[in-house]
Protein backbone atom coordinates (compact mmCIF):
# COMPACT_ATOMS: atom_id res chain seq x y z
CA MET A 1 10.45 -19.17 42.35
CA TYR A 2 13.79 -18.89 41.95
CA ILE A 3 14.49 -22.15 43.07
CA ASP A 4 12.94 -25.36 42.18
CA ASN A 5 10.09 -25.95 43.81
CA ARG A 6 8.79 -29.57 42.66
CA VAL A 7 10.91 -31.07 45.66
CA CYS A 8 8.34 -32.84 47.65
CA PHE A 9 8.75 -31.95 51.32
CA ILE A 10 9.58 -28.80 53.67
CA PHE A 11 10.06 -28.74 57.62
CA LYS A 12 9.37 -26.23 59.75
CA MET A 13 12.30 -24.31 61.63
CA GLU A 14 12.43 -26.83 64.33
CA TYR A 15 12.66 -29.66 62.28
CA ALA A 16 15.05 -27.99 59.84
CA LEU A 17 17.85 -28.88 62.27
CA PHE A 18 17.66 -32.55 60.92
CA PHE A 19 18.06 -36.54 62.17
CA MET A 20 19.40 -37.78 58.83
CA GLU A 21 22.55 -39.03 60.22
CA VAL A 22 20.58 -41.40 62.57
CA THR A 23 17.84 -42.31 61.28
CA MET A 24 18.51 -42.75 57.33
CA LYS A 25 21.42 -44.84 55.53
CA LYS A 26 23.62 -42.60 53.68
CA SER A 27 22.75 -44.56 50.58
CA LYS A 28 19.38 -43.55 50.71
CA LEU A 29 20.18 -39.66 51.56
CA ARG A 30 22.40 -39.93 48.40
CA GLY A 31 19.37 -41.41 46.54
CA TYR A 32 17.56 -38.65 47.37
CA ILE A 33 20.21 -36.24 46.21
CA TYR A 34 20.49 -38.25 42.59
CA ASP A 35 16.70 -37.71 42.19
CA LEU A 36 17.32 -34.06 43.21
CA GLU A 37 20.06 -33.59 40.42
CA HIS A 38 18.60 -35.55 37.87
CA LYS A 39 14.67 -35.56 37.80
CA ASN A 40 14.61 -31.81 38.28
CA LYS A 41 16.69 -30.43 35.47
CA ASN A 42 16.67 -26.89 36.72
CA PHE A 43 18.20 -27.60 39.98
CA SER A 44 21.45 -26.65 41.33
CA PHE A 45 22.55 -26.85 45.12
CA ASP A 46 24.58 -23.67 45.25
CA LYS A 47 21.86 -21.87 43.16
CA THR A 48 19.18 -23.32 45.61
CA ILE A 49 21.95 -21.98 48.74
CA ARG A 50 22.12 -18.73 47.39
CA ILE A 51 18.41 -18.39 48.66
CA LEU A 52 19.66 -18.34 52.13
CA ASP A 53 21.96 -15.25 50.84
CA ILE A 54 18.96 -13.31 48.89
CA SER A 55 16.52 -14.27 52.16
CA ASN A 56 19.41 -12.59 54.67
CA MET A 57 19.77 -9.61 52.12
CA ILE A 58 16.22 -8.68 51.92
CA TYR A 59 15.57 -8.98 55.64
CA ILE A 60 18.36 -6.81 56.74
CA ASP A 61 16.94 -4.09 53.91
CA MET A 62 13.64 -4.50 55.50
CA ILE A 63 15.33 -3.33 58.94
CA LYS A 64 17.18 -0.73 57.56
CA ASN A 65 13.89 0.92 56.56
CA ILE A 66 12.75 0.99 60.08
CA GLU A 67 12.87 4.27 61.79
CA PHE A 68 14.08 3.67 65.66
CA LYS A 69 11.13 6.50 66.85
CA GLU A 70 8.60 4.22 65.40
CA ILE A 71 9.21 1.23 67.74
CA SER A 72 10.48 2.38 70.88
CA ASP A 73 10.47 5.55 73.24
CA TYR A 74 13.52 3.97 75.25
CA LYS A 75 16.21 6.55 74.04
CA LYS A 76 19.51 4.63 75.51
CA SER A 77 18.78 1.47 72.81
CA LYS A 78 18.82 4.00 69.98
CA TYR A 79 22.29 3.36 69.46
CA MET A 80 22.48 -0.21 69.20
CA PHE A 81 19.42 -0.06 67.07
CA LYS A 82 21.63 1.59 64.60
CA GLU A 83 24.51 -0.74 64.54
CA ILE A 84 22.35 -3.73 64.37
CA SER A 85 21.74 -3.63 60.36
CA GLU A 86 25.71 -2.97 60.10
CA GLU A 87 26.42 -6.12 62.44
CA LEU A 88 24.41 -8.50 60.73
CA GLU A 89 26.16 -7.32 57.35
CA GLU A 90 29.49 -7.91 59.09
CA VAL A 91 28.05 -11.60 60.18
CA ASN A 92 27.38 -12.07 56.17
CA ASP A 93 30.78 -10.94 55.20
CA LEU A 94 32.63 -13.43 57.65
CA LEU A 95 30.34 -16.57 56.20
CA SER A 96 31.21 -15.58 52.81
CA LYS A 97 35.14 -15.40 53.79
CA GLU A 98 34.22 -18.66 55.58
CA LYS A 99 35.42 -17.43 59.25
CA THR A 100 32.15 -19.33 60.57
CA LEU A 101 33.31 -19.09 64.26
CA MET A 102 33.66 -15.58 64.19
CA ALA A 103 31.06 -14.91 62.55
CA VAL A 104 28.57 -17.06 65.17
CA CYS A 105 30.30 -14.75 68.28
CA LEU A 106 28.90 -11.44 66.36
CA LEU A 107 25.77 -13.30 65.63
CA ARG A 108 25.50 -14.29 69.09
CA ASN A 109 25.96 -10.36 70.17
CA VAL A 110 23.36 -9.36 67.67
CA PHE A 111 20.90 -11.70 69.16
CA GLU A 112 21.17 -10.34 72.31
CA GLU A 113 21.22 -6.56 71.17
CA ILE A 114 17.78 -7.08 69.23
CA MET A 115 16.43 -8.76 72.59
CA TYR A 116 17.55 -5.70 74.43
CA ILE A 117 15.75 -3.51 71.87
CA ILE A 118 12.75 -5.50 71.85
CA ALA A 119 12.76 -6.13 76.28
CA THR A 120 13.06 -2.12 76.54
CA THR A 121 9.95 -1.30 74.61
CA ILE A 122 7.61 -3.31 76.78
CA GLU A 123 8.93 -2.76 80.35
CA THR A 124 10.98 -0.56 82.88
CA VAL A 125 14.44 -2.44 82.66
CA HIS A 126 17.30 -1.98 85.68
CA ILE A 127 20.43 -2.24 83.78
CA ASP A 128 23.69 -2.00 85.64
CA ILE A 129 27.28 -3.25 85.45
CA MET A 130 26.11 -6.72 86.93
CA THR A 131 23.04 -7.29 84.43
CA LYS A 132 23.38 -10.88 82.81
CA ALA A 133 22.83 -11.30 79.13
CA SER A 134 20.00 -13.51 79.88
CA TYR A 135 17.86 -10.70 81.52
CA PHE A 136 16.50 -9.24 78.21
CA TYR A 137 15.86 -12.76 76.60
CA LYS A 138 13.59 -13.98 79.44
CA ILE A 139 11.70 -10.47 79.34
CA VAL A 140 11.03 -11.38 75.72
CA ALA A 141 10.35 -14.90 76.03
CA ASP A 142 7.77 -14.14 78.86
CA HIS A 143 5.58 -11.49 76.51
CA CYS A 144 5.87 -13.70 73.59
CA ASP A 145 2.07 -13.31 72.90
CA LYS A 146 2.24 -9.78 72.94
CA LEU A 147 5.08 -9.02 70.86
CA LEU A 148 5.52 -11.61 68.38
CA TYR A 149 3.49 -13.74 65.68
CA SER A 150 4.42 -16.92 65.89
CA TYR A 151 7.33 -17.50 68.22
CA THR A 152 6.64 -18.73 71.77
CA SER A 153 8.49 -18.62 75.19
CA GLU A 154 10.60 -22.13 74.38
CA ASP A 155 11.18 -20.93 70.64
CA ILE A 156 13.31 -18.21 72.30
CA LYS A 157 14.60 -20.23 75.14
CA GLU A 158 16.11 -22.51 72.94
CA LEU A 159 17.42 -20.48 70.23
CA TYR A 160 19.26 -18.20 73.12
CA GLY A 161 20.58 -21.73 74.66
CA TYR A 162 21.96 -23.01 71.18
CA MET A 163 23.66 -19.77 70.49
CA SER A 164 25.11 -19.93 74.02
CA LYS A 165 26.12 -23.62 73.43
CA ILE A 166 27.43 -22.59 69.93
CA THR A 167 29.58 -19.62 71.13
CA HIS A 168 31.02 -20.78 74.67
CA VAL A 169 33.35 -23.52 74.88
CA THR A 170 30.99 -26.36 75.12
CA ASN A 171 30.76 -30.16 73.84
CA VAL A 172 28.62 -28.09 70.90
CA LYS A 173 31.42 -25.56 70.26
CA GLU A 174 33.93 -28.48 70.21
CA ALA A 175 32.04 -29.91 67.27
CA THR A 176 31.36 -27.20 65.36
CA SER A 177 34.84 -26.14 65.57
CA TYR A 178 35.63 -29.39 64.37
CA LEU A 179 33.44 -29.68 61.23
CA VAL A 180 34.28 -25.97 60.07
CA GLY A 181 37.77 -27.84 59.97
CA ASN A 182 36.81 -30.32 57.67
CA LYS A 183 36.98 -28.65 54.16
CA GLN A 184 34.58 -31.17 52.49
CA ILE A 185 31.92 -30.42 54.92
CA LYS A 186 32.94 -26.64 55.97
CA LYS A 187 30.36 -24.75 53.85
CA TYR A 188 27.25 -27.02 55.11
CA VAL A 189 27.99 -25.52 58.49
CA ASN A 190 28.44 -22.48 57.00
CA ASN A 191 24.81 -22.59 55.19
CA GLU A 192 23.59 -23.79 58.86
CA ILE A 193 24.48 -20.25 60.70
CA LYS A 194 23.07 -18.26 57.41
CA PHE A 195 19.91 -20.31 58.45
CA ILE A 196 20.01 -19.42 62.35
CA GLU A 197 20.86 -15.92 61.15
CA LEU A 198 17.81 -15.66 59.06
CA ILE A 199 15.75 -17.00 62.52
CA ILE A 200 17.20 -14.15 64.47
CA GLU A 201 16.08 -11.51 61.84
CA ASN A 202 12.49 -13.27 61.61
CA ILE A 203 12.00 -13.10 65.02
CA TYR A 204 13.31 -9.37 64.85
CA LEU A 205 11.02 -8.52 61.84
CA GLU A 206 7.86 -10.03 63.33
CA PHE A 207 8.32 -8.09 66.15
CA ILE A 208 8.83 -4.57 64.39
CA ASN A 209 5.84 -5.78 62.11
CA LYS A 210 3.60 -6.38 65.10
CA LYS A 211 4.40 -3.26 66.88
CA LEU A 212 3.51 -1.04 63.69
CA GLY A 213 0.65 -3.13 62.49
CA LEU A 214 1.99 -4.02 59.32
CA ASP A 215 1.57 -7.18 57.07
CA ASN A 216 4.37 -9.97 57.70
CA SER A 217 3.51 -12.13 55.11
CA MET A 218 6.34 -11.51 52.80
CA CYS A 219 8.40 -12.48 55.97
CA ASP A 220 6.52 -15.57 56.38
CA ASN A 221 6.86 -16.79 53.04
CA ILE A 222 10.69 -16.20 52.83
CA MET A 223 11.17 -18.14 55.97
CA ILE A 224 9.20 -21.20 54.67
CA ILE A 225 11.05 -20.98 51.79
CA SER A 226 14.15 -21.14 53.75
CA SER A 227 13.73 -23.39 55.49
CA TYR A 228 13.32 -26.10 52.61
CA VAL A 229 16.50 -24.82 51.60
CA ASP A 230 17.80 -25.56 54.97
CA LEU A 231 16.75 -28.92 54.74
CA ILE A 232 18.11 -29.56 51.37
CA ASN A 233 22.03 -28.57 53.28
CA VAL A 234 21.20 -30.51 55.66
CA ILE A 235 20.63 -33.41 53.63
CA TYR A 236 23.79 -32.51 51.34
CA PHE A 237 25.74 -32.23 54.99
CA THR A 238 24.94 -35.67 55.90
CA ALA A 239 25.38 -37.30 52.92
CA ASN A 240 29.30 -36.19 52.47
CA SER A 241 30.21 -36.27 56.20
CA THR A 242 32.25 -39.66 57.00
CA GLY A 243 32.32 -40.93 60.07
CA GLU A 244 31.21 -37.90 61.80
CA HIS A 245 28.03 -39.65 63.59
CA LYS A 246 28.94 -38.62 67.08
CA ARG A 247 30.40 -34.73 66.35
CA ILE A 248 26.88 -34.22 64.04
CA GLU A 249 24.68 -35.39 66.73
CA LEU A 250 26.32 -32.79 69.29
CA TYR A 251 26.24 -29.82 66.49
CA PHE A 252 22.79 -30.67 65.65
CA TYR A 253 21.24 -31.68 69.43
CA GLY A 254 23.90 -30.05 71.55
CA GLU A 255 23.32 -32.94 74.03
CA LYS A 256 25.20 -35.96 75.64
CA ASN A 257 22.18 -37.66 77.50
CA GLN A 258 21.30 -40.87 74.94
CA LYS A 259 17.73 -41.16 76.48
CA TYR A 260 16.89 -37.30 74.98
CA LEU A 261 18.81 -38.27 71.32
CA ASN A 262 16.79 -41.76 71.51
CA GLU A 263 13.33 -40.04 72.02
CA LYS A 264 14.27 -36.95 69.69
CA ARG A 265 15.09 -39.35 66.63
CA GLU A 266 11.74 -41.20 67.48
CA GLN A 267 9.97 -37.72 67.14
CA MET A 268 11.88 -36.84 64.06
CA ILE A 269 11.09 -40.54 62.07
CA GLN A 270 7.42 -39.97 62.59
CA GLU A 271 7.83 -36.36 61.44
CA PHE A 272 9.44 -37.88 58.15
CA LYS A 273 6.94 -40.51 58.18
CA GLU A 274 4.12 -38.22 58.00
CA LEU A 275 5.58 -35.77 55.87
CA GLN A 276 6.11 -38.58 53.43
CA LYS A 277 2.50 -39.10 53.10
CA SER A 278 1.78 -35.68 52.52
CA ASN A 279 3.88 -35.03 49.66
CA THR A 280 1.36 -34.14 47.02
CA LYS A 281 0.20 -31.39 49.42
CA ILE A 282 3.13 -29.85 50.68
CA THR A 283 4.51 -29.78 47.01
CA LYS A 284 1.46 -27.66 45.94
CA THR A 285 1.94 -25.18 49.12
CA ILE A 286 5.39 -24.95 48.14
CA ASN A 287 4.55 -23.76 44.93
CA ARG A 288 1.63 -21.55 46.03
CA ILE A 289 3.89 -19.77 48.18
CA SER A 290 6.71 -19.24 45.50
CA LYS A 291 4.38 -17.71 43.60
CA GLU A 292 3.04 -15.35 46.25
CA LEU A 293 6.72 -14.50 46.89
CA ASP A 294 7.87 -13.91 43.39
CA LYS A 295 4.78 -11.20 43.46
CA GLN A 296 5.72 -9.65 46.84
CA ILE A 297 9.97 -9.62 45.78
CA GLU A 298 8.61 -7.94 42.45
CA GLU A 299 6.28 -5.26 44.35
CA SER A 300 8.85 -4.44 46.86
CA ASN A 301 11.60 -3.89 44.26
CA TYR A 302 13.86 -6.59 45.05
CA SER A 303 14.10 -8.54 41.94
CA ASP A 304 17.11 -6.81 40.54
CA MET A 305 18.89 -7.99 43.74
CA VAL A 306 17.49 -11.54 43.62
CA LYS A 307 18.85 -11.65 40.24
CA ARG A 308 22.52 -10.26 40.78
CA ILE A 309 23.06 -12.85 43.90
CA LEU A 310 21.48 -15.81 42.03
CA ASN A 311 23.96 -14.66 38.97
CA ARG A 312 27.25 -13.91 40.68
């Protein structure tokens, strides 16, 4: 693969937004970083993070190649359908300029449009001037088994809630606006938003592929490798932040409820211990998926794009 795939562990999507600040000392995190940078001679943080850019570019290109008439008979959604790939490209452009909060607002809008497009393929909708933004995501959440391969109703609700909290003026947006104002760690927050964008694109592509009966394995492999990249970003994020304990808690969890945070910590500690026990198995899995994805990238004619982004 184009990233060093000997690093020992990977998280599912729901564990990528992580617990490092509250479960591990910074010295231990920096120890992981030292091992990454010195025991893996080919490792580069900047090149590894570019995998998120590559993944977003591939996903957007896949979305561009879909014809509206293939997935929907609801003609009123045709115009928003055409705008989605352009808006996702605009999100990437804003992130490249480190205009993180602007990118988040546009990404929230794209997510709602995707929910609208998906919802109108399965149900007669009733839209008027009083229609709430939550109307469409609730339809999708209620029909996940029919519409998607791997995402559950809870996943859709959790993502919608996160996007709402980070867009509207909440404690999460306060934390985010503070963190992106910190030059030292702004790039890590920016990378997290790139990963959120990937999740939204992945949901859309899962819907498209299931609707059309297409193979979803390349999308799955991209998401797995990107989750690994996001984990590396979170490790660097937390190890390089100073005195930001509370704000990082708010950013990752979005909650002030201490009981909830304590339960989440315990859950994550157990998950981390389980992963540590399975290092060898997980390494083999990453290697296998990396080889599969390399082949898929070549067969889909994305190799030049990958090289261009890695070498810029």
